[in-house]
């Protein structure tokens, strides 16, 4: 079978012509068609992403303080064991 090459008709733009003709839009032009529901959802998404991004640094601060407090208790082993005993239930301490 012979290969057939399709030639675009005159007046009709080919795919490569359509792909190269892209219009640039300003940043605020992206939101030109947004309604009030879209604005509320964008606001909630921004707040959620800020909270999600802040979770790891807050965890590092809290975990660091916890490790620091255990380090201060290691100077007095009796105080450390009494603090551990307070946390554990009596049923876990019995064999």
PDB file of N, CA and C in Angstrom:
ATOM      1  N   UNK A   1       0.828  -1.180   0.000  1.00  0.00           N
ATOM      2  CA  UNK A   1       0.000   0.000   0.000  1.00  0.00           C
ATOM      3  C   UNK A   1       0.873   1.244   0.000  1.00  0.00           C
ATOM      4  N   UNK A   2       0.463   2.178  -0.726  1.00  0.00           N
ATOM      5  CA  UNK A   2       1.204   3.428  -0.839  1.00  0.00           C
ATOM      6  C   UNK A   2       0.832   4.344   0.319  1.00  0.00           C
ATOM      7  N   UNK A   3       1.823   5.083   0.795  1.00  0.00           N
ATOM      8  CA  UNK A   3       1.567   6.032   1.875  1.00  0.00           C
ATOM      9  C   UNK A   3       0.928   7.279   1.297  1.00  0.00           C
ATOM     10  N   UNK A   4      -0.049   7.776   2.000  1.00  0.00           N
ATOM     11  CA  UNK A   4      -0.752   8.974   1.550  1.00  0.00           C
ATOM     12  C   UNK A   4      -0.470  10.090   2.543  1.00  0.00           C
ATOM     13  N   UNK A   5      -0.062  11.228   2.044  1.00  0.00           N
ATOM     14  CA  UNK A   5       0.206  12.375   2.887  1.00  0.00           C
ATOM     15  C   UNK A   5      -0.975  13.320   2.790  1.00  0.00           C
ATOM     16  N   UNK A   6      -1.531  13.661   3.939  1.00  0.00           N
ATOM     17  CA  UNK A   6      -2.670  14.567   3.959  1.00  0.00           C
ATOM     18  C   UNK A   6      -2.162  16.002   3.954  1.00  0.00           C
ATOM     19  N   UNK A   7      -2.633  16.777   3.056  1.00  0.00           N
ATOM     20  CA  UNK A   7      -2.256  18.185   2.966  1.00  0.00           C
ATOM     21  C   UNK A   7      -3.447  18.997   3.433  1.00  0.00           C
ATOM     22  N   UNK A   8      -3.235  19.918   4.370  1.00  0.00           N
ATOM     23  CA  UNK A   8      -4.368  20.708   4.837  1.00  0.00           C
ATOM     24  C   UNK A   8      -4.903  21.604   3.725  1.00  0.00           C
ATOM     25  N   UNK A   9      -6.219  21.780   3.757  1.00  0.00           N
ATOM     26  CA  UNK A   9      -6.847  22.629   2.752  1.00  0.00           C
ATOM     27  C   UNK A   9      -6.450  24.075   2.985  1.00  0.00           C
ATOM     28  N   UNK A  10      -6.520  24.837   1.955  1.00  0.00           N
ATOM     29  CA  UNK A  10      -6.190  26.243   2.105  1.00  0.00           C
ATOM     30  C   UNK A  10      -7.298  26.921   2.905  1.00  0.00           C
ATOM     31  N   UNK A  11      -6.918  27.819   3.783  1.00  0.00           N
ATOM     32  CA  UNK A  11      -7.890  28.509   4.627  1.00  0.00           C
ATOM     33  C   UNK A  11      -8.120  27.800   5.954  1.00  0.00           C
ATOM     34  N   UNK A  12      -7.658  26.562   6.092  1.00  0.00           N
ATOM     35  CA  UNK A  12      -7.793  25.827   7.337  1.00  0.00           C
ATOM     36  C   UNK A  12      -6.409  25.719   7.958  1.00  0.00           C
ATOM     37  N   UNK A  13      -6.292  26.136   9.209  1.00  0.00           N
ATOM     38  CA  UNK A  13      -4.996  26.114   9.880  1.00  0.00           C
ATOM     39  C   UNK A  13      -4.674  24.696  10.326  1.00  0.00           C
ATOM     40  N   UNK A  14      -3.438  24.308  10.165  1.00  0.00           N
ATOM     41  CA  UNK A  14      -3.029  22.979  10.606  1.00  0.00           C
ATOM     42  C   UNK A  14      -2.813  22.988  12.123  1.00  0.00           C
ATOM     43  N   UNK A  15      -2.567  21.789  12.695  1.00  0.00           N
ATOM     44  CA  UNK A  15      -2.378  21.684  14.130  1.00  0.00           C
ATOM     45  C   UNK A  15      -1.155  22.463  14.587  1.00  0.00           C
ATOM     46  N   UNK A  16      -0.097  22.414  13.823  1.00  0.00           N
ATOM     47  CA  UNK A  16       1.113  23.116  14.237  1.00  0.00           C
ATOM     48  C   UNK A  16       0.894  24.619  14.236  1.00  0.00           C
ATOM     49  N   UNK A  17       0.079  25.134  13.311  1.00  0.00           N
ATOM     50  CA  UNK A  17      -0.209  26.558  13.306  1.00  0.00           C
ATOM     51  C   UNK A  17      -1.049  26.947  14.515  1.00  0.00           C
ATOM     52  N   UNK A  18      -2.000  26.079  14.907  1.00  0.00           N
ATOM     53  CA  UNK A  18      -2.863  26.378  16.040  1.00  0.00           C
ATOM     54  C   UNK A  18      -2.080  26.302  17.351  1.00  0.00           C
ATOM     55  N   UNK A  19      -1.127  25.408  17.436  1.00  0.00           N
ATOM     56  CA  UNK A  19      -0.360  25.266  18.661  1.00  0.00           C
ATOM     57  C   UNK A  19       0.585  26.428  18.869  1.00  0.00           C
ATOM     58  N   UNK A  20       1.090  27.007  17.807  1.00  0.00           N
ATOM     59  CA  UNK A  20       2.036  28.100  17.961  1.00  0.00           C
ATOM     60  C   UNK A  20       1.346  29.425  18.257  1.00  0.00           C
ATOM     61  N   UNK A  21       0.061  29.541  17.980  1.00  0.00           N
ATOM     62  CA  UNK A  21      -0.668  30.782  18.221  1.00  0.00           C
ATOM     63  C   UNK A  21      -1.316  30.727  19.599  1.00  0.00           C
ATOM     64  N   UNK A  22      -0.570  31.047  20.634  1.00  0.00           N
ATOM     65  CA  UNK A  22      -1.121  31.101  21.982  1.00  0.00           C
ATOM     66  C   UNK A  22      -1.083  32.541  22.456  1.00  0.00           C
ATOM     67  N   UNK A  23      -2.127  32.930  23.104  1.00  0.00           N
ATOM     68  CA  UNK A  23      -2.200  34.275  23.627  1.00  0.00           C
ATOM     69  C   UNK A  23      -1.795  34.261  25.088  1.00  0.00           C
ATOM     70  N   UNK A  24      -0.999  35.234  25.489  1.00  0.00           N
ATOM     71  CA  UNK A  24      -0.624  35.331  26.892  1.00  0.00           C
ATOM     72  C   UNK A  24      -1.662  36.172  27.620  1.00  0.00           C
ATOM     73  N   UNK A  25      -1.903  35.799  28.860  1.00  0.00           N
ATOM     74  CA  UNK A  25      -2.905  36.457  29.679  1.00  0.00           C
ATOM     75  C   UNK A  25      -2.221  36.963  30.932  1.00  0.00           C
ATOM     76  N   UNK A  26      -2.625  38.121  31.419  1.00  0.00           N
ATOM     77  CA  UNK A  26      -2.041  38.654  32.644  1.00  0.00           C
ATOM     78  C   UNK A  26      -2.480  37.811  33.837  1.00  0.00           C
ATOM     79  N   UNK A  27      -1.822  38.020  34.962  1.00  0.00           N
ATOM     80  CA  UNK A  27      -2.133  37.237  36.162  1.00  0.00           C
ATOM     81  C   UNK A  27      -3.572  37.466  36.608  1.00  0.00           C
ATOM     82  N   UNK A  28      -4.003  38.712  36.629  1.00  0.00           N
ATOM     83  CA  UNK A  28      -5.370  39.009  37.059  1.00  0.00           C
ATOM     84  C   UNK A  28      -6.387  38.600  36.002  1.00  0.00           C
ATOM     85  N   UNK A  29      -5.946  38.450  34.773  1.00  0.00           N
ATOM     86  CA  UNK A  29      -6.833  37.972  33.726  1.00  0.00           C
ATOM     87  C   UNK A  29      -7.252  36.532  33.928  1.00  0.00           C
ATOM     88  N   UNK A  30      -6.447  35.777  34.673  1.00  0.00           N
ATOM     89  CA  UNK A  30      -6.797  34.386  34.983  1.00  0.00           C
ATOM     90  C   UNK A  30      -8.055  34.304  35.834  1.00  0.00           C
ATOM     91  N   UNK A  31      -8.295  35.321  36.645  1.00  0.00           N
ATOM     92  CA  UNK A  31      -9.422  35.307  37.569  1.00  0.00           C
ATOM     93  C   UNK A  31     -10.591  36.152  37.073  1.00  0.00           C
ATOM     94  N   UNK A  32     -10.577  36.526  35.823  1.00  0.00           N
ATOM     95  CA  UNK A  32     -11.623  37.404  35.291  1.00  0.00           C
ATOM     96  C   UNK A  32     -12.992  36.731  35.295  1.00  0.00           C
ATOM     97  N   UNK A  33     -13.046  35.446  35.136  1.00  0.00           N
ATOM     98  CA  UNK A  33     -14.328  34.744  35.069  1.00  0.00           C
ATOM     99  C   UNK A  33     -14.708  34.078  36.390  1.00  0.00           C
ATOM    100  N   UNK A  34     -13.947  34.326  37.451  1.00  0.00           N
ATOM    101  CA  UNK A  34     -14.241  33.701  38.748  1.00  0.00           C
ATOM    102  C   UNK A  34     -15.446  34.372  39.386  1.00  0.00           C
ATOM    103  N   UNK A  35     -16.348  33.553  39.908  1.00  0.00           N
ATOM    104  CA  UNK A  35     -17.507  34.102  40.618  1.00  0.00           C
ATOM    105  C   UNK A  35     -17.244  34.033  42.122  1.00  0.00           C
ATOM    106  N   UNK A  36     -18.249  34.356  42.926  1.00  0.00           N
ATOM    107  CA  UNK A  36     -18.045  34.422  44.372  1.00  0.00           C
ATOM    108  C   UNK A  36     -17.726  33.047  44.961  1.00  0.00           C
ATOM    109  N   UNK A  37     -18.311  31.992  44.415  1.00  0.00           N
ATOM    110  CA  UNK A  37     -18.018  30.634  44.902  1.00  0.00           C
ATOM    111  C   UNK A  37     -16.553  30.289  44.656  1.00  0.00           C
ATOM    112  N   UNK A  38     -16.046  30.646  43.493  1.00  0.00           N
ATOM    113  CA  UNK A  38     -14.643  30.387  43.189  1.00  0.00           C
ATOM    114  C   UNK A  38     -13.723  31.155  44.129  1.00  0.00           C
ATOM    115  N   UNK A  39     -14.082  32.397  44.425  1.00  0.00           N
ATOM    116  CA  UNK A  39     -13.254  33.202  45.334  1.00  0.00           C
ATOM    117  C   UNK A  39     -13.219  32.602  46.737  1.00  0.00           C
ATOM    118  N   UNK A  40     -14.366  32.128  47.221  1.00  0.00           N
ATOM    119  CA  UNK A  40     -14.411  31.502  48.547  1.00  0.00           C
ATOM    120  C   UNK A  40     -13.570  30.232  48.556  1.00  0.00           C
ATOM    121  N   UNK A  41     -13.682  29.423  47.516  1.00  0.00           N
ATOM    122  CA  UNK A  41     -12.905  28.183  47.453  1.00  0.00           C
ATOM    123  C   UNK A  41     -11.408  28.463  47.342  1.00  0.00           C
ATOM    124  N   UNK A  42     -11.031  29.499  46.592  1.00  0.00           N
ATOM    125  CA  UNK A  42      -9.609  29.856  46.503  1.00  0.00           C
ATOM    126  C   UNK A  42      -9.091  30.343  47.846  1.00  0.00           C
ATOM    127  N   UNK A  43      -9.909  31.102  48.584  1.00  0.00           N
ATOM    128  CA  UNK A  43      -9.499  31.578  49.904  1.00  0.00           C
ATOM    129  C   UNK A  43      -9.323  30.402  50.865  1.00  0.00           C
ATOM    130  N   UNK A  44     -10.294  29.481  50.881  1.00  0.00           N
ATOM    131  CA  UNK A  44     -10.188  28.319  51.768  1.00  0.00           C
ATOM    132  C   UNK A  44      -8.995  27.435  51.398  1.00  0.00           C
ATOM    133  N   UNK A  45      -8.729  27.293  50.119  1.00  0.00           N
ATOM    134  CA  UNK A  45      -7.563  26.520  49.692  1.00  0.00           C
ATOM    135  C   UNK A  45      -6.264  27.171  50.117  1.00  0.00           C
ATOM    136  N   UNK A  46      -6.205  28.502  50.060  1.00  0.00           N
ATOM    137  CA  UNK A  46      -4.999  29.212  50.491  1.00  0.00           C
ATOM    138  C   UNK A  46      -4.771  29.065  51.987  1.00  0.00           C
ATOM    139  N   UNK A  47      -5.843  29.189  52.763  1.00  0.00           N
ATOM    140  CA  UNK A  47      -5.726  29.017  54.218  1.00  0.00           C
ATOM    141  C   UNK A  47      -5.306  27.582  54.544  1.00  0.00           C
ATOM    142  N   UNK A  48      -5.906  26.613  53.871  1.00  0.00           N
ATOM    143  CA  UNK A  48      -5.546  25.218  54.108  1.00  0.00           C
ATOM    144  C   UNK A  48      -4.101  24.922  53.755  1.00  0.00           C
ATOM    145  N   UNK A  49      -3.622  25.493  52.667  1.00  0.00           N
ATOM    146  CA  UNK A  49      -2.233  25.244  52.288  1.00  0.00           C
ATOM    147  C   UNK A  49      -1.261  25.907  53.264  1.00  0.00           C
ATOM    148  N   UNK A  50      -1.631  27.071  53.809  1.00  0.00           N
ATOM    149  CA  UNK A  50      -0.785  27.711  54.823  1.00  0.00           C
ATOM    150  C   UNK A  50      -0.717  26.865  56.088  1.00  0.00           C
ATOM    151  N   UNK A  51      -1.858  26.336  56.510  1.00  0.00           N
ATOM    152  CA  UNK A  51      -1.872  25.477  57.693  1.00  0.00           C
ATOM    153  C   UNK A  51      -1.076  24.192  57.460  1.00  0.00           C
ATOM    154  N   UNK A  52      -1.221  23.624  56.289  1.00  0.00           N
ATOM    155  CA  UNK A  52      -0.481  22.404  55.973  1.00  0.00           C
ATOM    156  C   UNK A  52       1.023  22.676  55.946  1.00  0.00           C
ATOM    157  N   UNK A  53       1.415  23.808  55.420  1.00  0.00           N
ATOM    158  CA  UNK A  53       2.836  24.150  55.377  1.00  0.00           C
ATOM    159  C   UNK A  53       3.410  24.472  56.744  1.00  0.00           C
ATOM    160  N   UNK A  54       2.579  24.971  57.658  1.00  0.00           N
ATOM    161  CA  UNK A  54       3.060  25.323  58.991  1.00  0.00           C
ATOM    162  C   UNK A  54       3.112  24.126  59.923  1.00  0.00           C
ATOM    163  N   UNK A  55       2.519  23.016  59.552  1.00  0.00           N
ATOM    164  CA  UNK A  55       2.444  21.858  60.451  1.00  0.00           C
ATOM    165  C   UNK A  55       3.823  21.280  60.760  1.00  0.00           C
ATOM    166  N   UNK A  56       4.680  21.163  59.784  1.00  0.00           N
ATOM    167  CA  UNK A  56       5.992  20.549  60.016  1.00  0.00           C
ATOM    168  C   UNK A  56       6.880  21.402  60.923  1.00  0.00           C
ATOM    169  N   UNK A  57       7.014  22.718  60.704  1.00  0.00           N
ATOM    170  CA  UNK A  57       7.821  23.504  61.644  1.00  0.00           C
ATOM    171  C   UNK A  57       7.272  23.495  63.073  1.00  0.00           C
ATOM    172  N   UNK A  58       5.946  23.520  63.220  1.00  0.00           N
ATOM    173  CA  UNK A  58       5.353  23.464  64.561  1.00  0.00           C
ATOM    174  C   UNK A  58       5.665  22.117  65.205  1.00  0.00           C
ATOM    175  N   UNK A  59       5.603  21.047  64.424  1.00  0.00           N
ATOM    176  CA  UNK A  59       5.949  19.726  64.960  1.00  0.00           C
ATOM    177  C   UNK A  59       7.404  19.697  65.421  1.00  0.00           C
ATOM    178  N   UNK A  60       8.303  20.289  64.630  1.00  0.00           N
ATOM    179  CA  UNK A  60       9.717  20.311  65.023  1.00  0.00           C
ATOM    180  C   UNK A  60       9.919  21.070  66.326  1.00  0.00           C
ATOM    181  N   UNK A  61       9.218  22.182  66.511  1.00  0.00           N
ATOM    182  CA  UNK A  61       9.356  22.952  67.748  1.00  0.00           C
ATOM    183  C   UNK A  61       8.848  22.144  68.932  1.00  0.00           C
ATOM    184  N   UNK A  62       7.665  21.549  68.806  1.00  0.00           N
ATOM    185  CA  UNK A  62       7.104  20.771  69.916  1.00  0.00           C
ATOM    186  C   UNK A  62       7.950  19.533  70.230  1.00  0.00           C
ATOM    187  N   UNK A  63       8.407  18.851  69.197  1.00  0.00           N
ATOM    188  CA  UNK A  63       9.235  17.661  69.408  1.00  0.00           C
ATOM    189  C   UNK A  63      10.570  18.044  70.053  1.00  0.00           C
ATOM    190  N   UNK A  64      11.140  19.166  69.641  1.00  0.00           N
ATOM    191  CA  UNK A  64      12.396  19.633  70.243  1.00  0.00           C
ATOM    192  C   UNK A  64      12.230  19.972  71.707  1.00  0.00           C
ATOM    193  N   UNK A  65      11.116  20.600  72.060  1.00  0.00           N
ATOM    194  CA  UNK A  65      10.867  20.918  73.469  1.00  0.00           C
ATOM    195  C   UNK A  65      10.675  19.645  74.290  1.00  0.00           C
ATOM    196  N   UNK A  66      10.022  18.647  73.702  1.00  0.00           N
ATOM    197  CA  UNK A  66       9.816  17.393  74.417  1.00  0.00           C
ATOM    198  C   UNK A  66      11.162  16.700  74.673  1.00  0.00           C
ATOM    199  N   UNK A  67      12.011  16.666  73.668  1.00  0.00           N
ATOM    200  CA  UNK A  67      13.331  16.057  73.843  1.00  0.00           C
ATOM    201  C   UNK A  67      14.158  16.838  74.854  1.00  0.00           C
ATOM    202  N   UNK A  68      14.037  18.162  74.847  1.00  0.00           N
ATOM    203  CA  UNK A  68      14.740  18.990  75.825  1.00  0.00           C
ATOM    204  C   UNK A  68      14.289  18.665  77.249  1.00  0.00           C
ATOM    205  N   UNK A  69      12.969  18.514  77.437  1.00  0.00           N
ATOM    206  CA  UNK A  69      12.478  18.224  78.782  1.00  0.00           C
ATOM    207  C   UNK A  69      12.953  16.856  79.256  1.00  0.00           C
ATOM    208  N   UNK A  70      13.032  15.886  78.366  1.00  0.00           N
ATOM    209  CA  UNK A  70      13.577  14.579  78.755  1.00  0.00           C
ATOM    210  C   UNK A  70      15.063  14.683  79.072  1.00  0.00           C
ATOM    211  N   UNK A  71      15.765  15.554  78.372  1.00  0.00           N
ATOM    212  CA  UNK A  71      17.188  15.741  78.647  1.00  0.00           C
ATOM    213  C   UNK A  71      17.432  16.345  80.014  1.00  0.00           C
ATOM    214  N   UNK A  72      16.568  17.273  80.431  1.00  0.00           N
ATOM    215  CA  UNK A  72      16.715  17.868  81.763  1.00  0.00           C
ATOM    216  C   UNK A  72      16.376  16.868  82.855  1.00  0.00           C
ATOM    217  N   UNK A  73      15.444  15.966  82.589  1.00  0.00           N
ATOM    218  CA  UNK A  73      15.100  14.952  83.583  1.00  0.00           C
ATOM    219  C   UNK A  73      16.173  13.877  83.705  1.00  0.00           C
ATOM    220  N   UNK A  74      17.031  13.736  82.702  1.00  0.00           N
ATOM    221  CA  UNK A  74      18.053  12.690  82.771  1.00  0.00           C
ATOM    222  C   UNK A  74      19.122  13.006  83.814  1.00  0.00           C
ATOM    223  N   UNK A  75      19.209  14.253  84.250  1.00  0.00           N
ATOM    224  CA  UNK A  75      20.169  14.594  85.310  1.00  0.00           C
ATOM    225  C   UNK A  75      19.758  13.981  86.644  1.00  0.00           C
ATOM    226  N   UNK A  76      18.473  13.768  86.844  1.00  0.00           N
ATOM    227  CA  UNK A  76      17.959  13.170  88.075  1.00  0.00           C
ATOM    228  C   UNK A  76      17.162  11.920  87.691  1.00  0.00           C
ATOM    229  N   UNK A  77      17.800  10.731  87.686  1.00  0.00           N
ATOM    230  CA  UNK A  77      17.121   9.517  87.220  1.00  0.00           C
ATOM    231  C   UNK A  77      15.900   9.132  88.053  1.00  0.00           C
ATOM    232  N   UNK A  78      15.889   9.450  89.351  1.00  0.00           N
ATOM    233  CA  UNK A  78      14.736   9.099  90.185  1.00  0.00           C
ATOM    234  C   UNK A  78      13.516   9.926  89.778  1.00  0.00           C
ATOM    235  N   UNK A  79      13.734  11.176  89.474  1.00  0.00           N
ATOM    236  CA  UNK A  79      12.631  12.023  89.040  1.00  0.00           C
ATOM    237  C   UNK A  79      12.096  11.553  87.687  1.00  0.00           C
ATOM    238  N   UNK A  80      13.017  11.111  86.809  1.00  0.00           N
ATOM    239  CA  UNK A  80      12.602  10.601  85.508  1.00  0.00           C
ATOM    240  C   UNK A  80      11.760   9.350  85.658  1.00  0.00           C
ATOM    241  N   UNK A  81      12.177   8.422  86.505  1.00  0.00           N
ATOM    242  CA  UNK A  81      11.410   7.184  86.672  1.00  0.00           C
ATOM    243  C   UNK A  81      10.059   7.457  87.316  1.00  0.00           C
ATOM    244  N   UNK A  82       9.982   8.440  88.218  1.00  0.00           N
ATOM    245  CA  UNK A  82       8.692   8.750  88.829  1.00  0.00           C
ATOM    246  C   UNK A  82       7.751   9.388  87.808  1.00  0.00           C
ATOM    247  N   UNK A  83       8.279  10.209  86.909  1.00  0.00           N
ATOM    248  CA  UNK A  83       7.447  10.815  85.862  1.00  0.00           C
ATOM    249  C   UNK A  83       6.929   9.745  84.893  1.00  0.00           C
ATOM    250  N   UNK A  84       7.772   8.759  84.575  1.00  0.00           N
ATOM    251  CA  UNK A  84       7.356   7.672  83.696  1.00  0.00           C
ATOM    252  C   UNK A  84       6.292   6.836  84.399  1.00  0.00           C
ATOM    253  N   UNK A  85       6.444   6.616  85.691  1.00  0.00           N
ATOM    254  CA  UNK A  85       5.463   5.831  86.452  1.00  0.00           C
ATOM    255  C   UNK A  85       4.115   6.535  86.501  1.00  0.00           C
ATOM    256  N   UNK A  86       4.117   7.863  86.545  1.00  0.00           N
ATOM    257  CA  UNK A  86       2.855   8.609  86.550  1.00  0.00           C
ATOM    258  C   UNK A  86       2.087   8.400  85.249  1.00  0.00           C
ATOM    259  N   UNK A  87       2.809   8.302  84.164  1.00  0.00           N
ATOM    260  CA  UNK A  87       2.166   8.189  82.850  1.00  0.00           C
ATOM    261  C   UNK A  87       1.645   6.776  82.625  1.00  0.00           C
ATOM    262  N   UNK A  88       2.418   5.785  83.004  1.00  0.00           N
ATOM    263  CA  UNK A  88       2.004   4.404  82.794  1.00  0.00           C
ATOM    264  C   UNK A  88       0.910   4.014  83.778  1.00  0.00           C
ATOM    265  N   UNK A  89      -0.030   3.242  83.308  1.00  0.00           N
ATOM    266  CA  UNK A  89      -1.086   2.775  84.207  1.00  0.00           C
ATOM    267  C   UNK A  89      -0.552   1.654  85.097  1.00  0.00           C
ATOM    268  N   UNK A  90      -1.123   1.458  86.248  1.00  0.00           N
ATOM    269  CA  UNK A  90      -0.625   0.414  87.181  1.00  0.00           C
ATOM    270  C   UNK A  90      -0.713  -0.993  86.572  1.00  0.00           C
ATOM    271  N   UNK A  91      -1.661  -1.233  85.693  1.00  0.00           N
ATOM    272  CA  UNK A  91      -1.776  -2.573  85.134  1.00  0.00           C
ATOM    273  C   UNK A  91      -0.603  -2.893  84.201  1.00  0.00           C
ATOM    274  N   UNK A  92       0.010  -1.883  83.623  1.00  0.00           N
ATOM    275  CA  UNK A  92       1.153  -2.128  82.739  1.00  0.00           C
ATOM    276  C   UNK A  92       2.430  -2.396  83.541  1.00  0.00           C
ATOM    277  N   UNK A  93       2.484  -1.929  84.788  1.00  0.00           N
ATOM    278  CA  UNK A  93       3.688  -2.110  85.603  1.00  0.00           C
ATOM    279  C   UNK A  93       3.741  -3.490  86.228  1.00  0.00           C
ATOM    280  N   UNK A  94       2.573  -4.155  86.407  1.00  0.00           N
ATOM    281  CA  UNK A  94       2.571  -5.495  87.011  1.00  0.00           C
ATOM    282  C   UNK A  94       2.936  -6.523  85.967  1.00  0.00           C
ATOM    283  N   UNK A  95       3.731  -7.521  86.377  1.00  0.00           N
ATOM    284  CA  UNK A  95       4.102  -8.584  85.410  1.00  0.00           C
ATOM    285  C   UNK A  95       2.973  -9.557  85.162  1.00  0.00           C
TER     286      UNK A  95
END
